[in-house]
N, C-alpha and C. Protein backbone atom coordinates (compact mmCIF):
# COMPACT_ATOMS: atom_id res chain seq x y z
N UNK A 1 6.38 -25.61 3.49
CA UNK A 1 6.30 -24.41 2.83
C UNK A 1 7.57 -23.50 2.77
N UNK A 2 8.06 -23.00 1.76
CA UNK A 2 9.22 -22.28 1.71
C UNK A 2 8.66 -20.76 1.42
N UNK A 3 9.54 -20.13 2.32
CA UNK A 3 8.95 -18.63 2.49
C UNK A 3 10.27 -17.78 1.74
N UNK A 4 9.84 -16.81 1.01
CA UNK A 4 10.89 -15.83 0.42
C UNK A 4 10.28 -14.32 0.72
N UNK A 5 11.13 -13.47 0.21
CA UNK A 5 10.63 -12.16 0.30
C UNK A 5 9.32 -11.78 -0.37
N UNK A 6 9.09 -12.59 -1.20
CA UNK A 6 7.79 -12.17 -1.95
C UNK A 6 6.50 -12.75 -1.22
N UNK A 7 7.06 -13.34 -0.09
CA UNK A 7 5.68 -13.94 0.62
C UNK A 7 5.54 -13.32 1.87
N UNK A 8 5.23 -12.02 1.56
CA UNK A 8 5.12 -11.23 2.70
C UNK A 8 3.86 -11.54 3.64
N UNK A 9 2.54 -11.79 3.07
CA UNK A 9 1.66 -12.31 3.86
C UNK A 9 1.92 -13.48 4.58
N UNK A 10 2.18 -14.51 4.38
CA UNK A 10 2.71 -15.65 4.86
C UNK A 10 3.72 -15.53 6.06
N UNK A 11 4.74 -14.65 5.81
CA UNK A 11 5.75 -14.27 6.81
C UNK A 11 5.11 -13.51 7.81
N UNK A 12 4.16 -12.75 7.59
CA UNK A 12 3.19 -11.79 8.47
C UNK A 12 2.51 -12.59 9.40
N UNK A 13 1.90 -13.63 8.78
CA UNK A 13 1.19 -14.60 9.83
C UNK A 13 1.95 -15.62 10.39
N UNK A 14 2.98 -15.87 9.98
CA UNK A 14 3.95 -16.62 10.77
C UNK A 14 4.49 -16.04 11.94
N UNK A 15 5.05 -14.68 11.72
CA UNK A 15 5.54 -13.81 12.77
C UNK A 15 4.62 -13.44 13.93
N UNK A 16 3.32 -13.27 13.37
CA UNK A 16 2.16 -13.12 14.24
C UNK A 16 2.00 -14.20 15.09
N UNK A 17 2.37 -15.34 14.56
CA UNK A 17 1.84 -16.84 15.34
C UNK A 17 2.95 -17.10 16.39
N UNK A 18 4.22 -16.89 16.04
CA UNK A 18 5.50 -16.72 16.84
C UNK A 18 5.50 -15.89 17.96
N UNK A 19 4.74 -14.62 17.66
CA UNK A 19 5.07 -13.53 18.49
C UNK A 19 3.75 -12.75 18.98
N UNK A 20 2.95 -13.57 19.65
CA UNK A 20 1.41 -13.29 19.97
C UNK A 20 1.51 -12.12 20.86
N UNK A 21 2.43 -11.88 21.87
CA UNK A 21 2.32 -10.81 22.65
C UNK A 21 3.09 -9.48 22.11
N UNK A 22 3.62 -9.47 21.10
CA UNK A 22 4.15 -8.47 20.60
C UNK A 22 3.13 -7.23 20.23
N UNK A 23 3.26 -5.96 20.55
CA UNK A 23 2.57 -4.85 20.11
C UNK A 23 3.06 -4.40 18.59
N UNK A 24 2.45 -4.95 17.75
CA UNK A 24 3.05 -4.52 16.23
C UNK A 24 3.32 -3.14 16.27
N UNK A 25 2.87 -2.08 16.75
CA UNK A 25 3.09 -0.77 16.77
C UNK A 25 4.23 -0.50 17.28
N UNK A 26 5.02 -1.44 18.26
CA UNK A 26 6.34 -1.06 18.80
C UNK A 26 7.26 -1.77 17.90
N UNK A 27 7.03 -2.63 16.82
CA UNK A 27 7.93 -3.28 16.17
C UNK A 27 8.74 -2.58 15.13
N UNK A 28 10.05 -2.67 15.15
CA UNK A 28 10.94 -2.00 14.02
C UNK A 28 10.92 -3.00 12.80
N UNK A 29 11.26 -2.25 11.67
CA UNK A 29 11.77 -2.87 10.49
C UNK A 29 12.90 -3.77 10.84
N UNK A 30 13.87 -3.52 11.34
CA UNK A 30 14.98 -4.31 11.87
C UNK A 30 14.47 -5.75 12.53
N UNK A 31 13.51 -5.52 13.41
CA UNK A 31 13.08 -6.72 14.12
C UNK A 31 12.55 -7.47 13.21
N UNK A 32 11.64 -7.13 12.47
CA UNK A 32 10.96 -7.86 11.19
C UNK A 32 12.00 -8.80 10.58
N UNK A 33 13.01 -7.93 10.13
CA UNK A 33 14.00 -8.58 9.34
C UNK A 33 14.73 -9.69 10.11
N UNK A 34 15.18 -9.44 11.40
CA UNK A 34 15.89 -10.38 12.03
C UNK A 34 14.93 -11.63 12.56
N UNK A 35 13.65 -11.38 12.88
CA UNK A 35 12.51 -12.54 13.00
C UNK A 35 12.34 -13.17 11.62
N UNK A 36 12.35 -12.55 10.49
CA UNK A 36 12.02 -13.28 9.45
C UNK A 36 13.15 -14.25 9.07
N UNK A 37 14.41 -13.63 8.99
CA UNK A 37 15.41 -14.89 8.47
C UNK A 37 15.80 -15.76 9.61
N UNK A 38 15.05 -15.70 10.69
CA UNK A 38 15.09 -16.71 11.80
C UNK A 38 14.20 -17.82 11.37
N UNK A 39 13.22 -17.57 10.77
CA UNK A 39 12.12 -18.55 10.34
C UNK A 39 12.67 -19.70 9.58
N UNK A 40 12.59 -20.97 10.27
CA UNK A 40 13.10 -22.17 9.74
C UNK A 40 12.70 -22.49 8.17
N UNK A 41 11.53 -21.68 7.67
CA UNK A 41 10.83 -21.99 6.60
C UNK A 41 11.53 -21.07 5.56
N UNK A 42 12.17 -20.02 6.12
CA UNK A 42 12.78 -18.82 5.21
C UNK A 42 13.98 -19.19 4.49
N UNK A 43 13.55 -19.18 3.01
CA UNK A 43 14.99 -19.50 2.22
C UNK A 43 14.90 -18.57 1.09
N UNK A 44 15.79 -17.49 1.25
CA UNK A 44 15.86 -16.31 0.34
C UNK A 44 17.16 -15.65 0.49
N UNK A 45 17.61 -14.88 -0.71
CA UNK A 45 18.96 -14.24 -0.53
C UNK A 45 18.61 -13.11 0.47
N UNK A 46 19.45 -13.00 1.39
CA UNK A 46 19.26 -11.71 2.26
C UNK A 46 19.64 -10.69 1.78
N UNK A 47 20.34 -10.15 0.53
CA UNK A 47 20.84 -9.03 -0.16
C UNK A 47 19.59 -8.66 -0.95
N UNK A 48 18.45 -9.40 -1.09
CA UNK A 48 17.27 -8.89 -1.82
C UNK A 48 16.35 -8.18 -1.04
N UNK A 49 16.39 -8.11 0.21
CA UNK A 49 15.54 -6.99 1.01
C UNK A 49 15.73 -5.93 0.88
N UNK A 50 14.67 -5.08 1.23
CA UNK A 50 14.58 -3.48 1.18
C UNK A 50 13.63 -3.22 2.22
N UNK A 51 13.66 -1.99 2.25
CA UNK A 51 12.46 -1.49 3.39
C UNK A 51 11.08 -1.56 3.06
N UNK A 52 10.88 -1.44 1.60
CA UNK A 52 9.72 -1.59 1.12
C UNK A 52 8.82 -3.07 1.18
N UNK A 53 9.93 -4.34 1.13
CA UNK A 53 9.49 -5.53 1.68
C UNK A 53 9.18 -5.74 3.11
N UNK A 54 10.04 -5.10 4.00
CA UNK A 54 9.90 -5.25 5.14
C UNK A 54 8.56 -4.42 5.76
N UNK A 55 8.25 -3.33 5.03
CA UNK A 55 7.25 -2.45 5.40
C UNK A 55 5.77 -3.28 4.92
N UNK A 56 5.90 -4.04 3.92
CA UNK A 56 4.95 -4.81 3.26
C UNK A 56 4.65 -5.93 4.41
N UNK A 57 5.41 -6.56 5.07
CA UNK A 57 5.22 -7.40 6.16
C UNK A 57 4.92 -7.18 7.26
N UNK A 58 5.31 -5.93 7.70
CA UNK A 58 4.67 -5.15 8.83
C UNK A 58 3.19 -4.65 8.57
N UNK A 59 2.84 -4.13 7.38
CA UNK A 59 1.57 -3.77 7.15
C UNK A 59 0.61 -5.12 7.08
N UNK A 60 0.86 -6.17 6.55
CA UNK A 60 0.21 -7.45 6.82
C UNK A 60 -0.07 -7.70 8.04
N UNK A 61 1.01 -7.88 8.86
CA UNK A 61 0.85 -8.03 10.31
C UNK A 61 -0.22 -7.29 10.60
N UNK A 62 -0.04 -6.01 10.90
CA UNK A 62 -0.92 -4.95 11.29
C UNK A 62 -2.36 -5.25 10.71
N UNK A 63 -2.55 -5.43 9.65
CA UNK A 63 -3.84 -5.66 9.14
C UNK A 63 -4.50 -6.91 9.71
N UNK A 64 -3.77 -8.03 9.84
CA UNK A 64 -4.27 -9.03 10.49
C UNK A 64 -4.40 -8.98 11.80
N UNK A 65 -3.87 -8.04 12.70
CA UNK A 65 -4.17 -8.07 14.01
C UNK A 65 -5.72 -7.19 14.13
N UNK A 66 -5.75 -6.33 13.13
CA UNK A 66 -7.17 -5.60 12.98
C UNK A 66 -8.34 -6.60 12.60
N UNK A 67 -8.08 -7.28 11.50
CA UNK A 67 -9.22 -7.78 10.80
C UNK A 67 -9.26 -9.37 11.02
N UNK A 68 -8.04 -9.90 11.50
CA UNK A 68 -7.89 -11.38 11.56
C UNK A 68 -8.09 -11.82 13.08
N UNK A 69 -8.27 -13.04 13.26
CA UNK A 69 -8.32 -13.67 14.61
C UNK A 69 -8.15 -15.23 14.39
């Protein structure tokens, strides 16, 4: 599966899987950016990212922590 900036939910799930010990409330958008571009499945133009995309990943991750298991 290839991930891109439009795959916010899939990215959030993968980050949650790879960083289970992280308190999402302490994660910065810069950390989300760094972790996302380090994902082996991630393939997109780094110049296309913006804070809205990073916040959407954050929000999906946060919601999964509350409602998913």
